[in-house]
């Protein structure tokens, strides 16, 4: 995570792998700031429970980065 508030382009988008993007394409586009922002609470809930992504939970640091991005107002 950068020293400032995390941004979608620098800190959040790179966390989503191509397989994650493909798996979730039926629901929303994980490459889209607007769609991730609009679904951030639901995504965070799944990430913090470890049910997303489906193959293995994110490291705690990555989940914390996502939360910090949400808390910062989901900057692009």
PDB file of N, CA and C in Angstrom:
ATOM      1  N   UNK A   1       0.858  -1.179   0.000  1.00  0.00           N
ATOM      2  CA  UNK A   1       0.000   0.000   0.000  1.00  0.00           C
ATOM      3  C   UNK A   1       0.896   1.230   0.000  1.00  0.00           C
ATOM      4  N   UNK A   2       0.509   2.244  -0.779  1.00  0.00           N
ATOM      5  CA  UNK A   2       1.332   3.446  -0.785  1.00  0.00           C
ATOM      6  C   UNK A   2       1.140   4.237   0.504  1.00  0.00           C
ATOM      7  N   UNK A   3       1.957   5.252   0.709  1.00  0.00           N
ATOM      8  CA  UNK A   3       1.943   6.019   1.957  1.00  0.00           C
ATOM      9  C   UNK A   3       0.655   6.842   2.115  1.00  0.00           C
ATOM     10  N   UNK A   4       0.089   7.261   1.016  1.00  0.00           N
ATOM     11  CA  UNK A   4      -1.152   8.021   1.023  1.00  0.00           C
ATOM     12  C   UNK A   4      -2.311   7.034   1.206  1.00  0.00           C
ATOM     13  N   UNK A   5      -3.514   7.548   1.063  1.00  0.00           N
ATOM     14  CA  UNK A   5      -4.669   6.650   1.044  1.00  0.00           C
ATOM     15  C   UNK A   5      -4.548   5.753  -0.180  1.00  0.00           C
ATOM     16  N   UNK A   6      -4.946   4.490  -0.048  1.00  0.00           N
ATOM     17  CA  UNK A   6      -4.883   3.602  -1.209  1.00  0.00           C
ATOM     18  C   UNK A   6      -5.826   4.068  -2.311  1.00  0.00           C
ATOM     19  N   UNK A   7      -5.423   3.839  -3.545  1.00  0.00           N
ATOM     20  CA  UNK A   7      -6.270   4.169  -4.687  1.00  0.00           C
ATOM     21  C   UNK A   7      -6.600   2.889  -5.435  1.00  0.00           C
ATOM     22  N   UNK A   8      -7.664   2.949  -6.214  1.00  0.00           N
ATOM     23  CA  UNK A   8      -8.075   1.780  -6.972  1.00  0.00           C
ATOM     24  C   UNK A   8      -6.991   1.374  -7.960  1.00  0.00           C
ATOM     25  N   UNK A   9      -6.521   2.331  -8.757  1.00  0.00           N
ATOM     26  CA  UNK A   9      -5.572   2.018  -9.831  1.00  0.00           C
ATOM     27  C   UNK A   9      -4.256   1.449  -9.298  1.00  0.00           C
ATOM     28  N   UNK A  10      -3.745   1.999  -8.206  1.00  0.00           N
ATOM     29  CA  UNK A  10      -2.424   1.604  -7.714  1.00  0.00           C
ATOM     30  C   UNK A  10      -2.486   0.437  -6.730  1.00  0.00           C
ATOM     31  N   UNK A  11      -3.467   0.452  -5.836  1.00  0.00           N
ATOM     32  CA  UNK A  11      -3.472  -0.505  -4.728  1.00  0.00           C
ATOM     33  C   UNK A  11      -4.526  -1.603  -4.802  1.00  0.00           C
ATOM     34  N   UNK A  12      -5.684  -1.319  -5.363  1.00  0.00           N
ATOM     35  CA  UNK A  12      -6.793  -2.283  -5.328  1.00  0.00           C
ATOM     36  C   UNK A  12      -6.867  -3.118  -6.594  1.00  0.00           C
ATOM     37  N   UNK A  13      -6.905  -2.494  -7.744  1.00  0.00           N
ATOM     38  CA  UNK A  13      -7.025  -3.237  -9.010  1.00  0.00           C
ATOM     39  C   UNK A  13      -5.974  -4.339  -9.135  1.00  0.00           C
ATOM     40  N   UNK A  14      -4.695  -4.093  -8.787  1.00  0.00           N
ATOM     41  CA  UNK A  14      -3.689  -5.160  -8.913  1.00  0.00           C
ATOM     42  C   UNK A  14      -3.932  -6.367  -8.001  1.00  0.00           C
ATOM     43  N   UNK A  15      -4.764  -6.220  -6.984  1.00  0.00           N
ATOM     44  CA  UNK A  15      -5.052  -7.348  -6.089  1.00  0.00           C
ATOM     45  C   UNK A  15      -5.927  -8.402  -6.769  1.00  0.00           C
ATOM     46  N   UNK A  16      -6.694  -7.990  -7.763  1.00  0.00           N
ATOM     47  CA  UNK A  16      -7.584  -8.917  -8.460  1.00  0.00           C
ATOM     48  C   UNK A  16      -6.841  -9.574  -9.620  1.00  0.00           C
ATOM     49  N   UNK A  17      -6.712 -10.884  -9.548  1.00  0.00           N
ATOM     50  CA  UNK A  17      -6.040 -11.650 -10.604  1.00  0.00           C
ATOM     51  C   UNK A  17      -6.999 -11.863 -11.773  1.00  0.00           C
ATOM     52  N   UNK A  18      -6.448 -12.249 -12.910  1.00  0.00           N
ATOM     53  CA  UNK A  18      -7.281 -12.522 -14.082  1.00  0.00           C
ATOM     54  C   UNK A  18      -8.342 -13.573 -13.768  1.00  0.00           C
ATOM     55  N   UNK A  19      -7.980 -14.589 -13.000  1.00  0.00           N
ATOM     56  CA  UNK A  19      -8.955 -15.628 -12.656  1.00  0.00           C
ATOM     57  C   UNK A  19     -10.082 -15.066 -11.792  1.00  0.00           C
ATOM     58  N   UNK A  20      -9.760 -14.144 -10.888  1.00  0.00           N
ATOM     59  CA  UNK A  20     -10.790 -13.515 -10.053  1.00  0.00           C
ATOM     60  C   UNK A  20     -11.753 -12.711 -10.930  1.00  0.00           C
ATOM     61  N   UNK A  21     -11.184 -11.978 -11.874  1.00  0.00           N
ATOM     62  CA  UNK A  21     -11.981 -11.144 -12.774  1.00  0.00           C
ATOM     63  C   UNK A  21     -12.928 -12.013 -13.595  1.00  0.00           C
ATOM     64  N   UNK A  22     -12.411 -13.120 -14.108  1.00  0.00           N
ATOM     65  CA  UNK A  22     -13.244 -14.033 -14.896  1.00  0.00           C
ATOM     66  C   UNK A  22     -14.331 -14.675 -14.040  1.00  0.00           C
ATOM     67  N   UNK A  23     -13.961 -15.143 -12.840  1.00  0.00           N
ATOM     68  CA  UNK A  23     -14.924 -15.815 -11.958  1.00  0.00           C
ATOM     69  C   UNK A  23     -16.081 -14.900 -11.556  1.00  0.00           C
ATOM     70  N   UNK A  24     -15.810 -13.611 -11.380  1.00  0.00           N
ATOM     71  CA  UNK A  24     -16.841 -12.685 -10.911  1.00  0.00           C
ATOM     72  C   UNK A  24     -17.518 -11.905 -12.034  1.00  0.00           C
ATOM     73  N   UNK A  25     -17.139 -12.180 -13.281  1.00  0.00           N
ATOM     74  CA  UNK A  25     -17.683 -11.405 -14.407  1.00  0.00           C
ATOM     75  C   UNK A  25     -19.200 -11.516 -14.523  1.00  0.00           C
ATOM     76  N   UNK A  26     -19.778 -12.575 -14.003  1.00  0.00           N
ATOM     77  CA  UNK A  26     -21.240 -12.727 -14.044  1.00  0.00           C
ATOM     78  C   UNK A  26     -21.924 -11.698 -13.150  1.00  0.00           C
ATOM     79  N   UNK A  27     -21.216 -11.227 -12.125  1.00  0.00           N
ATOM     80  CA  UNK A  27     -21.823 -10.308 -11.155  1.00  0.00           C
ATOM     81  C   UNK A  27     -21.437  -8.851 -11.407  1.00  0.00           C
ATOM     82  N   UNK A  28     -20.142  -8.610 -11.609  1.00  0.00           N
ATOM     83  CA  UNK A  28     -19.636  -7.265 -11.865  1.00  0.00           C
ATOM     84  C   UNK A  28     -18.205  -7.351 -12.364  1.00  0.00           C
ATOM     85  N   UNK A  29     -17.711  -6.217 -12.853  1.00  0.00           N
ATOM     86  CA  UNK A  29     -16.388  -6.129 -13.455  1.00  0.00           C
ATOM     87  C   UNK A  29     -15.374  -5.657 -12.416  1.00  0.00           C
ATOM     88  N   UNK A  30     -14.495  -6.550 -11.987  1.00  0.00           N
ATOM     89  CA  UNK A  30     -13.497  -6.202 -10.976  1.00  0.00           C
ATOM     90  C   UNK A  30     -12.413  -5.270 -11.507  1.00  0.00           C
ATOM     91  N   UNK A  31     -12.407  -4.994 -12.808  1.00  0.00           N
ATOM     92  CA  UNK A  31     -11.450  -4.032 -13.356  1.00  0.00           C
ATOM     93  C   UNK A  31     -12.032  -2.622 -13.376  1.00  0.00           C
ATOM     94  N   UNK A  32     -13.300  -2.488 -13.040  1.00  0.00           N
ATOM     95  CA  UNK A  32     -13.993  -1.199 -13.082  1.00  0.00           C
ATOM     96  C   UNK A  32     -14.051  -0.566 -11.696  1.00  0.00           C
ATOM     97  N   UNK A  33     -13.455   0.609 -11.565  1.00  0.00           N
ATOM     98  CA  UNK A  33     -13.515   1.327 -10.288  1.00  0.00           C
ATOM     99  C   UNK A  33     -14.959   1.499  -9.833  1.00  0.00           C
ATOM    100  N   UNK A  34     -15.816   1.952 -10.737  1.00  0.00           N
ATOM    101  CA  UNK A  34     -17.210   2.220 -10.366  1.00  0.00           C
ATOM    102  C   UNK A  34     -17.917   0.967  -9.867  1.00  0.00           C
ATOM    103  N   UNK A  35     -17.705  -0.154 -10.540  1.00  0.00           N
ATOM    104  CA  UNK A  35     -18.394  -1.383 -10.132  1.00  0.00           C
ATOM    105  C   UNK A  35     -17.835  -1.939  -8.821  1.00  0.00           C
ATOM    106  N   UNK A  36     -16.540  -1.847  -8.632  1.00  0.00           N
ATOM    107  CA  UNK A  36     -15.963  -2.308  -7.361  1.00  0.00           C
ATOM    108  C   UNK A  36     -16.404  -1.377  -6.237  1.00  0.00           C
ATOM    109  N   UNK A  37     -16.392  -0.071  -6.494  1.00  0.00           N
ATOM    110  CA  UNK A  37     -16.866   0.894  -5.490  1.00  0.00           C
ATOM    111  C   UNK A  37     -18.310   0.598  -5.103  1.00  0.00           C
ATOM    112  N   UNK A  38     -19.168   0.386  -6.107  1.00  0.00           N
ATOM    113  CA  UNK A  38     -20.590   0.162  -5.849  1.00  0.00           C
ATOM    114  C   UNK A  38     -20.851  -1.144  -5.102  1.00  0.00           C
ATOM    115  N   UNK A  39     -19.932  -2.084  -5.186  1.00  0.00           N
ATOM    116  CA  UNK A  39     -20.086  -3.387  -4.530  1.00  0.00           C
ATOM    117  C   UNK A  39     -19.067  -3.605  -3.417  1.00  0.00           C
ATOM    118  N   UNK A  40     -18.418  -2.531  -2.977  1.00  0.00           N
ATOM    119  CA  UNK A  40     -17.300  -2.642  -2.033  1.00  0.00           C
ATOM    120  C   UNK A  40     -17.686  -3.336  -0.727  1.00  0.00           C
ATOM    121  N   UNK A  41     -18.827  -3.000  -0.166  1.00  0.00           N
ATOM    122  CA  UNK A  41     -19.228  -3.622   1.112  1.00  0.00           C
ATOM    123  C   UNK A  41     -19.375  -5.135   0.961  1.00  0.00           C
ATOM    124  N   UNK A  42     -20.035  -5.565  -0.096  1.00  0.00           N
ATOM    125  CA  UNK A  42     -20.234  -6.998  -0.329  1.00  0.00           C
ATOM    126  C   UNK A  42     -18.902  -7.688  -0.617  1.00  0.00           C
ATOM    127  N   UNK A  43     -18.048  -7.035  -1.407  1.00  0.00           N
ATOM    128  CA  UNK A  43     -16.738  -7.615  -1.702  1.00  0.00           C
ATOM    129  C   UNK A  43     -15.925  -7.726  -0.418  1.00  0.00           C
ATOM    130  N   UNK A  44     -15.906  -6.663   0.373  1.00  0.00           N
ATOM    131  CA  UNK A  44     -15.149  -6.684   1.632  1.00  0.00           C
ATOM    132  C   UNK A  44     -15.643  -7.792   2.561  1.00  0.00           C
ATOM    133  N   UNK A  45     -16.945  -7.947   2.658  1.00  0.00           N
ATOM    134  CA  UNK A  45     -17.509  -9.000   3.516  1.00  0.00           C
ATOM    135  C   UNK A  45     -16.987 -10.364   3.093  1.00  0.00           C
ATOM    136  N   UNK A  46     -17.011 -10.640   1.805  1.00  0.00           N
ATOM    137  CA  UNK A  46     -16.537 -11.930   1.290  1.00  0.00           C
ATOM    138  C   UNK A  46     -15.029 -12.077   1.492  1.00  0.00           C
ATOM    139  N   UNK A  47     -14.282 -10.996   1.253  1.00  0.00           N
ATOM    140  CA  UNK A  47     -12.830 -11.055   1.440  1.00  0.00           C
ATOM    141  C   UNK A  47     -12.476 -11.319   2.898  1.00  0.00           C
ATOM    142  N   UNK A  48     -13.147 -10.622   3.813  1.00  0.00           N
ATOM    143  CA  UNK A  48     -12.827 -10.769   5.238  1.00  0.00           C
ATOM    144  C   UNK A  48     -13.260 -12.123   5.787  1.00  0.00           C
ATOM    145  N   UNK A  49     -14.286 -12.720   5.188  1.00  0.00           N
ATOM    146  CA  UNK A  49     -14.718 -14.077   5.577  1.00  0.00           C
ATOM    147  C   UNK A  49     -13.830 -15.151   4.957  1.00  0.00           C
ATOM    148  N   UNK A  50     -13.078 -14.769   3.919  1.00  0.00           N
ATOM    149  CA  UNK A  50     -12.231 -15.737   3.226  1.00  0.00           C
ATOM    150  C   UNK A  50     -12.950 -16.520   2.150  1.00  0.00           C
ATOM    151  N   UNK A  51     -14.179 -16.095   1.794  1.00  0.00           N
ATOM    152  CA  UNK A  51     -14.931 -16.828   0.773  1.00  0.00           C
ATOM    153  C   UNK A  51     -14.706 -16.264  -0.631  1.00  0.00           C
ATOM    154  N   UNK A  52     -13.957 -15.212  -0.737  1.00  0.00           N
ATOM    155  CA  UNK A  52     -13.578 -14.640  -2.029  1.00  0.00           C
ATOM    156  C   UNK A  52     -12.117 -14.260  -1.928  1.00  0.00           C
ATOM    157  N   UNK A  53     -11.298 -14.597  -2.885  1.00  0.00           N
ATOM    158  CA  UNK A  53     -11.581 -15.441  -4.034  1.00  0.00           C
ATOM    159  C   UNK A  53     -11.825 -16.884  -3.623  1.00  0.00           C
ATOM    160  N   UNK A  54     -12.297 -17.662  -4.569  1.00  0.00           N
ATOM    161  CA  UNK A  54     -12.767 -19.004  -4.230  1.00  0.00           C
ATOM    162  C   UNK A  54     -11.632 -20.002  -3.983  1.00  0.00           C
ATOM    163  N   UNK A  55     -10.415 -19.726  -4.445  1.00  0.00           N
ATOM    164  CA  UNK A  55      -9.347 -20.720  -4.298  1.00  0.00           C
ATOM    165  C   UNK A  55      -8.537 -20.591  -3.018  1.00  0.00           C
ATOM    166  N   UNK A  56      -8.425 -19.388  -2.462  1.00  0.00           N
ATOM    167  CA  UNK A  56      -7.680 -19.181  -1.215  1.00  0.00           C
ATOM    168  C   UNK A  56      -7.940 -17.768  -0.722  1.00  0.00           C
ATOM    169  N   UNK A  57      -8.031 -17.578   0.588  1.00  0.00           N
ATOM    170  CA  UNK A  57      -8.282 -16.228   1.106  1.00  0.00           C
ATOM    171  C   UNK A  57      -7.115 -15.284   0.806  1.00  0.00           C
ATOM    172  N   UNK A  58      -7.443 -14.004   0.726  1.00  0.00           N
ATOM    173  CA  UNK A  58      -6.412 -12.981   0.595  1.00  0.00           C
ATOM    174  C   UNK A  58      -5.615 -12.898   1.883  1.00  0.00           C
ATOM    175  N   UNK A  59      -4.353 -12.496   1.810  1.00  0.00           N
ATOM    176  CA  UNK A  59      -3.596 -12.220   3.032  1.00  0.00           C
ATOM    177  C   UNK A  59      -4.257 -11.072   3.804  1.00  0.00           C
ATOM    178  N   UNK A  60      -4.103 -11.087   5.115  1.00  0.00           N
ATOM    179  CA  UNK A  60      -4.697 -10.040   5.964  1.00  0.00           C
ATOM    180  C   UNK A  60      -4.318  -8.645   5.491  1.00  0.00           C
ATOM    181  N   UNK A  61      -3.070  -8.470   5.058  1.00  0.00           N
ATOM    182  CA  UNK A  61      -2.615  -7.156   4.603  1.00  0.00           C
ATOM    183  C   UNK A  61      -3.418  -6.673   3.401  1.00  0.00           C
ATOM    184  N   UNK A  62      -3.746  -7.569   2.492  1.00  0.00           N
ATOM    185  CA  UNK A  62      -4.535  -7.188   1.313  1.00  0.00           C
ATOM    186  C   UNK A  62      -5.966  -6.830   1.696  1.00  0.00           C
ATOM    187  N   UNK A  63      -6.544  -7.585   2.616  1.00  0.00           N
ATOM    188  CA  UNK A  63      -7.900  -7.279   3.099  1.00  0.00           C
ATOM    189  C   UNK A  63      -7.889  -5.917   3.795  1.00  0.00           C
ATOM    190  N   UNK A  64      -6.850  -5.649   4.588  1.00  0.00           N
ATOM    191  CA  UNK A  64      -6.727  -4.359   5.273  1.00  0.00           C
ATOM    192  C   UNK A  64      -6.570  -3.213   4.279  1.00  0.00           C
ATOM    193  N   UNK A  65      -5.854  -3.447   3.196  1.00  0.00           N
ATOM    194  CA  UNK A  65      -5.696  -2.429   2.152  1.00  0.00           C
ATOM    195  C   UNK A  65      -7.048  -2.114   1.526  1.00  0.00           C
ATOM    196  N   UNK A  66      -7.839  -3.155   1.254  1.00  0.00           N
ATOM    197  CA  UNK A  66      -9.170  -2.946   0.682  1.00  0.00           C
ATOM    198  C   UNK A  66     -10.028  -2.135   1.639  1.00  0.00           C
ATOM    199  N   UNK A  67      -9.988  -2.457   2.924  1.00  0.00           N
ATOM    200  CA  UNK A  67     -10.762  -1.721   3.938  1.00  0.00           C
ATOM    201  C   UNK A  67     -10.307  -0.272   4.012  1.00  0.00           C
ATOM    202  N   UNK A  68      -8.992  -0.057   3.985  1.00  0.00           N
ATOM    203  CA  UNK A  68      -8.455   1.309   4.035  1.00  0.00           C
ATOM    204  C   UNK A  68      -8.918   2.114   2.820  1.00  0.00           C
ATOM    205  N   UNK A  69      -8.979   1.456   1.668  1.00  0.00           N
ATOM    206  CA  UNK A  69      -9.471   2.111   0.451  1.00  0.00           C
ATOM    207  C   UNK A  69     -10.931   2.512   0.640  1.00  0.00           C
ATOM    208  N   UNK A  70     -11.727   1.634   1.193  1.00  0.00           N
ATOM    209  CA  UNK A  70     -13.133   1.951   1.453  1.00  0.00           C
ATOM    210  C   UNK A  70     -13.225   3.124   2.428  1.00  0.00           C
ATOM    211  N   UNK A  71     -12.446   3.059   3.504  1.00  0.00           N
ATOM    212  CA  UNK A  71     -12.494   4.100   4.527  1.00  0.00           C
ATOM    213  C   UNK A  71     -12.044   5.464   4.002  1.00  0.00           C
ATOM    214  N   UNK A  72     -11.196   5.443   2.968  1.00  0.00           N
ATOM    215  CA  UNK A  72     -10.699   6.679   2.355  1.00  0.00           C
ATOM    216  C   UNK A  72     -11.686   7.265   1.346  1.00  0.00           C
ATOM    217  N   UNK A  73     -12.812   6.568   1.123  1.00  0.00           N
ATOM    218  CA  UNK A  73     -13.815   7.071   0.197  1.00  0.00           C
ATOM    219  C   UNK A  73     -13.713   6.473  -1.198  1.00  0.00           C
ATOM    220  N   UNK A  74     -13.027   5.344  -1.325  1.00  0.00           N
ATOM    221  CA  UNK A  74     -12.856   4.601  -2.572  1.00  0.00           C
ATOM    222  C   UNK A  74     -12.284   5.444  -3.714  1.00  0.00           C
ATOM    223  N   UNK A  75     -11.125   6.109  -3.472  1.00  0.00           N
ATOM    224  CA  UNK A  75     -10.544   6.928  -4.543  1.00  0.00           C
ATOM    225  C   UNK A  75     -10.128   6.100  -5.751  1.00  0.00           C
ATOM    226  N   UNK A  76     -10.281   6.723  -6.921  1.00  0.00           N
ATOM    227  CA  UNK A  76      -9.895   6.064  -8.162  1.00  0.00           C
ATOM    228  C   UNK A  76      -8.392   5.938  -8.220  1.00  0.00           C
TER     229      UNK A  76
END
